[in-house]
Amino acid sequence: MCPIKLEELKIEHIVDFAKENTSFVAARENSNNHLRIFLIHYDTGTVYTRNGRADSWEELGSGVRDNLLGCIIAARNSVPVYRLKTQNSN
């Protein structure tokens, strides 16, 4: 995984899935315009980032995770936040 430059991230939008207590977050790194996609599981505190080259999701370490969550909280009032309610398929 390429290092994530948190100081260069600009969060573009957030998609909340209320029933699953998860969010997808799309962000760009200013210097190289790389798109970063994050998956957050609030119940477990786990945060993953998408690695397109390896076609996988990689878990973030606690230091990067905590800083990223702080950035997301700060961005919630200034970026589009889409809230989706999913149907139970049972």
N, C-alpha and C. Protein backbone atom coordinates (compact mmCIF):
# COMPACT_ATOMS: atom_id res chain seq x y z
N MET A 1 0.84 -1.17 0.00
CA MET A 1 0.00 0.00 0.00
C MET A 1 0.89 1.24 0.00
N CYS A 2 0.51 2.21 -0.81
CA CYS A 2 1.21 3.49 -0.82
C CYS A 2 0.88 4.23 0.46
N PRO A 3 1.85 4.97 1.00
CA PRO A 3 1.54 5.73 2.22
C PRO A 3 0.44 6.76 1.98
N ILE A 4 -0.41 6.92 2.95
CA ILE A 4 -1.50 7.87 2.86
C ILE A 4 -1.02 9.20 3.43
N LYS A 5 -1.12 10.25 2.63
CA LYS A 5 -0.69 11.57 3.05
C LYS A 5 -1.88 12.31 3.64
N LEU A 6 -2.13 12.09 4.92
CA LEU A 6 -3.32 12.66 5.56
C LEU A 6 -3.36 14.18 5.46
N GLU A 7 -2.19 14.82 5.54
CA GLU A 7 -2.16 16.28 5.48
C GLU A 7 -2.57 16.81 4.11
N GLU A 8 -2.55 15.94 3.09
CA GLU A 8 -2.93 16.34 1.73
C GLU A 8 -4.32 15.86 1.33
N LEU A 9 -4.99 15.13 2.21
CA LEU A 9 -6.31 14.58 1.86
C LEU A 9 -7.38 15.65 1.86
N LYS A 10 -8.20 15.62 0.84
CA LYS A 10 -9.39 16.47 0.77
C LYS A 10 -10.58 15.53 0.63
N ILE A 11 -11.38 15.45 1.66
CA ILE A 11 -12.53 14.56 1.64
C ILE A 11 -13.57 15.13 0.67
N GLU A 12 -14.03 14.28 -0.25
CA GLU A 12 -14.98 14.72 -1.28
C GLU A 12 -16.43 14.43 -0.91
N HIS A 13 -16.68 13.24 -0.39
CA HIS A 13 -18.03 12.91 0.06
C HIS A 13 -18.01 11.69 0.96
N ILE A 14 -19.11 11.52 1.68
CA ILE A 14 -19.27 10.43 2.64
C ILE A 14 -20.60 9.74 2.36
N VAL A 15 -20.60 8.42 2.40
CA VAL A 15 -21.83 7.65 2.26
C VAL A 15 -22.01 6.83 3.54
N ASP A 16 -23.07 7.14 4.28
CA ASP A 16 -23.36 6.43 5.53
C ASP A 16 -24.40 5.35 5.29
N PHE A 17 -24.15 4.17 5.81
CA PHE A 17 -25.10 3.06 5.79
C PHE A 17 -25.55 2.85 7.23
N ALA A 18 -26.69 3.45 7.58
CA ALA A 18 -27.14 3.49 8.97
C ALA A 18 -27.34 2.10 9.57
N LYS A 19 -28.00 1.23 8.85
CA LYS A 19 -28.33 -0.09 9.40
C LYS A 19 -27.07 -0.91 9.73
N GLU A 20 -26.03 -0.77 8.91
CA GLU A 20 -24.80 -1.53 9.12
C GLU A 20 -23.80 -0.76 9.98
N ASN A 21 -24.10 0.51 10.29
CA ASN A 21 -23.20 1.37 11.07
C ASN A 21 -21.81 1.45 10.42
N THR A 22 -21.82 1.67 9.09
CA THR A 22 -20.59 1.80 8.32
C THR A 22 -20.67 3.04 7.44
N SER A 23 -19.51 3.46 6.94
CA SER A 23 -19.43 4.57 5.99
C SER A 23 -18.37 4.27 4.95
N PHE A 24 -18.62 4.75 3.74
CA PHE A 24 -17.60 4.84 2.71
C PHE A 24 -17.22 6.31 2.61
N VAL A 25 -15.94 6.57 2.48
CA VAL A 25 -15.46 7.94 2.36
C VAL A 25 -14.55 8.02 1.14
N ALA A 26 -14.82 9.01 0.28
CA ALA A 26 -13.97 9.26 -0.89
C ALA A 26 -13.16 10.52 -0.63
N ALA A 27 -11.85 10.44 -0.87
CA ALA A 27 -10.97 11.58 -0.65
C ALA A 27 -9.90 11.60 -1.74
N ARG A 28 -9.32 12.77 -1.96
CA ARG A 28 -8.22 12.93 -2.92
C ARG A 28 -7.00 13.49 -2.23
N GLU A 29 -5.84 13.02 -2.68
CA GLU A 29 -4.58 13.61 -2.23
C GLU A 29 -4.28 14.79 -3.16
N ASN A 30 -4.07 15.95 -2.59
CA ASN A 30 -3.87 17.16 -3.39
C ASN A 30 -2.66 17.10 -4.32
N SER A 31 -1.54 16.54 -3.87
CA SER A 31 -0.30 16.61 -4.65
C SER A 31 -0.32 15.72 -5.90
N ASN A 32 -1.00 14.58 -5.83
CA ASN A 32 -0.95 13.65 -6.96
C ASN A 32 -2.32 13.30 -7.51
N ASN A 33 -3.37 13.85 -6.91
CA ASN A 33 -4.75 13.64 -7.36
C ASN A 33 -5.21 12.18 -7.23
N HIS A 34 -4.52 11.37 -6.42
CA HIS A 34 -4.94 9.99 -6.20
C HIS A 34 -6.25 9.97 -5.43
N LEU A 35 -7.17 9.14 -5.88
CA LEU A 35 -8.43 8.92 -5.18
C LEU A 35 -8.19 7.88 -4.10
N ARG A 36 -8.65 8.18 -2.90
CA ARG A 36 -8.59 7.23 -1.78
C ARG A 36 -10.01 6.91 -1.36
N ILE A 37 -10.28 5.63 -1.18
CA ILE A 37 -11.60 5.19 -0.71
C ILE A 37 -11.39 4.46 0.61
N PHE A 38 -12.19 4.82 1.59
CA PHE A 38 -12.09 4.22 2.91
C PHE A 38 -13.43 3.61 3.30
N LEU A 39 -13.35 2.49 4.01
CA LEU A 39 -14.53 1.81 4.56
C LEU A 39 -14.36 1.80 6.07
N ILE A 40 -15.35 2.34 6.77
CA ILE A 40 -15.27 2.46 8.23
C ILE A 40 -16.38 1.63 8.86
N HIS A 41 -15.99 0.75 9.77
CA HIS A 41 -16.94 -0.04 10.57
C HIS A 41 -16.94 0.56 11.97
N TYR A 42 -17.97 1.33 12.30
CA TYR A 42 -17.99 2.03 13.58
C TYR A 42 -18.13 1.08 14.77
N ASP A 43 -18.81 -0.05 14.60
CA ASP A 43 -18.99 -0.98 15.72
C ASP A 43 -17.67 -1.58 16.19
N THR A 44 -16.77 -1.84 15.25
CA THR A 44 -15.50 -2.47 15.59
C THR A 44 -14.35 -1.46 15.65
N GLY A 45 -14.56 -0.26 15.08
CA GLY A 45 -13.49 0.73 15.02
C GLY A 45 -12.48 0.45 13.91
N THR A 46 -12.80 -0.48 13.05
CA THR A 46 -11.89 -0.87 11.98
C THR A 46 -12.07 0.04 10.77
N VAL A 47 -10.95 0.44 10.18
CA VAL A 47 -10.97 1.27 8.97
C VAL A 47 -10.11 0.59 7.91
N TYR A 48 -10.66 0.46 6.72
CA TYR A 48 -9.95 -0.13 5.60
C TYR A 48 -9.77 0.91 4.50
N THR A 49 -8.72 0.74 3.72
CA THR A 49 -8.53 1.55 2.53
C THR A 49 -8.45 0.62 1.33
N ARG A 50 -8.93 1.09 0.22
CA ARG A 50 -8.94 0.29 -1.00
C ARG A 50 -7.59 0.37 -1.69
N ASN A 51 -7.02 -0.79 -2.01
CA ASN A 51 -5.80 -0.85 -2.80
C ASN A 51 -6.19 -1.39 -4.17
N GLY A 52 -6.36 -0.47 -5.12
CA GLY A 52 -6.80 -0.87 -6.45
C GLY A 52 -5.79 -1.71 -7.20
N ARG A 53 -4.52 -1.47 -6.97
CA ARG A 53 -3.48 -2.24 -7.67
C ARG A 53 -3.48 -3.70 -7.24
N ALA A 54 -3.75 -3.94 -5.97
CA ALA A 54 -3.77 -5.31 -5.46
C ALA A 54 -5.19 -5.88 -5.42
N ASP A 55 -6.19 -5.06 -5.82
CA ASP A 55 -7.59 -5.47 -5.81
C ASP A 55 -7.98 -6.01 -4.44
N SER A 56 -7.68 -5.20 -3.38
CA SER A 56 -7.96 -5.66 -2.03
C SER A 56 -8.26 -4.46 -1.13
N TRP A 57 -8.75 -4.78 0.06
CA TRP A 57 -8.95 -3.79 1.12
C TRP A 57 -7.90 -4.04 2.17
N GLU A 58 -7.25 -2.98 2.65
CA GLU A 58 -6.19 -3.12 3.65
C GLU A 58 -6.56 -2.34 4.90
N GLU A 59 -6.38 -2.97 6.05
CA GLU A 59 -6.73 -2.34 7.32
C GLU A 59 -5.68 -1.28 7.69
N LEU A 60 -6.16 -0.14 8.16
CA LEU A 60 -5.25 0.92 8.58
C LEU A 60 -4.81 0.69 10.02
N GLY A 61 -3.58 1.06 10.32
CA GLY A 61 -3.07 1.00 11.68
C GLY A 61 -3.74 2.05 12.55
N SER A 62 -3.62 1.89 13.86
CA SER A 62 -4.36 2.73 14.79
C SER A 62 -4.00 4.22 14.69
N GLY A 63 -2.74 4.57 14.48
CA GLY A 63 -2.36 5.98 14.39
C GLY A 63 -2.97 6.66 13.19
N VAL A 64 -2.85 6.05 12.02
CA VAL A 64 -3.43 6.60 10.80
C VAL A 64 -4.95 6.59 10.90
N ARG A 65 -5.49 5.50 11.43
CA ARG A 65 -6.95 5.39 11.58
C ARG A 65 -7.50 6.53 12.43
N ASP A 66 -6.91 6.77 13.57
CA ASP A 66 -7.41 7.81 14.47
C ASP A 66 -7.34 9.20 13.82
N ASN A 67 -6.24 9.48 13.14
CA ASN A 67 -6.11 10.78 12.46
C ASN A 67 -7.12 10.92 11.33
N LEU A 68 -7.32 9.84 10.57
CA LEU A 68 -8.29 9.87 9.49
C LEU A 68 -9.70 10.09 10.03
N LEU A 69 -10.07 9.40 11.09
CA LEU A 69 -11.40 9.58 11.67
C LEU A 69 -11.61 11.03 12.13
N GLY A 70 -10.57 11.64 12.66
CA GLY A 70 -10.65 13.05 13.02
C GLY A 70 -10.90 13.94 11.81
N CYS A 71 -10.24 13.64 10.70
CA CYS A 71 -10.45 14.39 9.45
C CYS A 71 -11.87 14.23 8.95
N ILE A 72 -12.40 13.02 9.05
CA ILE A 72 -13.76 12.74 8.58
C ILE A 72 -14.79 13.47 9.44
N ILE A 73 -14.61 13.45 10.74
CA ILE A 73 -15.52 14.17 11.63
C ILE A 73 -15.52 15.65 11.30
N ALA A 74 -14.34 16.22 11.09
CA ALA A 74 -14.24 17.64 10.77
C ALA A 74 -14.88 17.97 9.42
N ALA A 75 -14.83 17.03 8.47
CA ALA A 75 -15.33 17.29 7.12
C ALA A 75 -16.85 17.13 7.00
N ARG A 76 -17.49 16.48 7.95
CA ARG A 76 -18.92 16.18 7.82
C ARG A 76 -19.81 17.40 7.61
N ASN A 77 -19.39 18.56 8.08
CA ASN A 77 -20.21 19.76 7.92
C ASN A 77 -19.90 20.52 6.64
N SER A 78 -18.92 20.07 5.86
CA SER A 78 -18.53 20.83 4.67
C SER A 78 -18.51 20.02 3.38
N VAL A 79 -18.84 18.74 3.44
CA VAL A 79 -18.88 17.91 2.23
C VAL A 79 -20.24 17.22 2.15
N PRO A 80 -20.63 16.77 0.95
CA PRO A 80 -21.90 16.03 0.85
C PRO A 80 -21.84 14.73 1.67
N VAL A 81 -22.89 14.50 2.44
CA VAL A 81 -23.03 13.26 3.20
C VAL A 81 -24.33 12.60 2.75
N TYR A 82 -24.22 11.42 2.19
CA TYR A 82 -25.38 10.67 1.71
C TYR A 82 -25.70 9.59 2.74
N ARG A 83 -26.95 9.56 3.19
CA ARG A 83 -27.36 8.58 4.18
C ARG A 83 -28.30 7.58 3.53
N LEU A 84 -27.90 6.32 3.55
CA LEU A 84 -28.69 5.28 2.91
C LEU A 84 -29.28 4.36 3.98
N LYS A 85 -30.52 4.04 3.78
CA LYS A 85 -31.19 3.06 4.62
C LYS A 85 -31.35 1.81 3.78
N THR A 86 -30.82 0.70 4.26
CA THR A 86 -30.90 -0.54 3.48
C THR A 86 -32.05 -1.39 3.99
N GLN A 87 -32.59 -2.17 3.09
CA GLN A 87 -33.67 -3.09 3.42
C GLN A 87 -33.07 -4.38 3.95
N ASN A 88 -33.73 -4.96 4.91
CA ASN A 88 -33.32 -6.25 5.42
C ASN A 88 -33.78 -7.31 4.43
N SER A 89 -32.87 -8.15 3.95
CA SER A 89 -33.20 -9.13 2.92
C SER A 89 -33.72 -10.44 3.49
N ASN A 90 -33.91 -10.53 4.79
CA ASN A 90 -34.39 -11.78 5.39
C ASN A 90 -35.87 -11.93 5.22
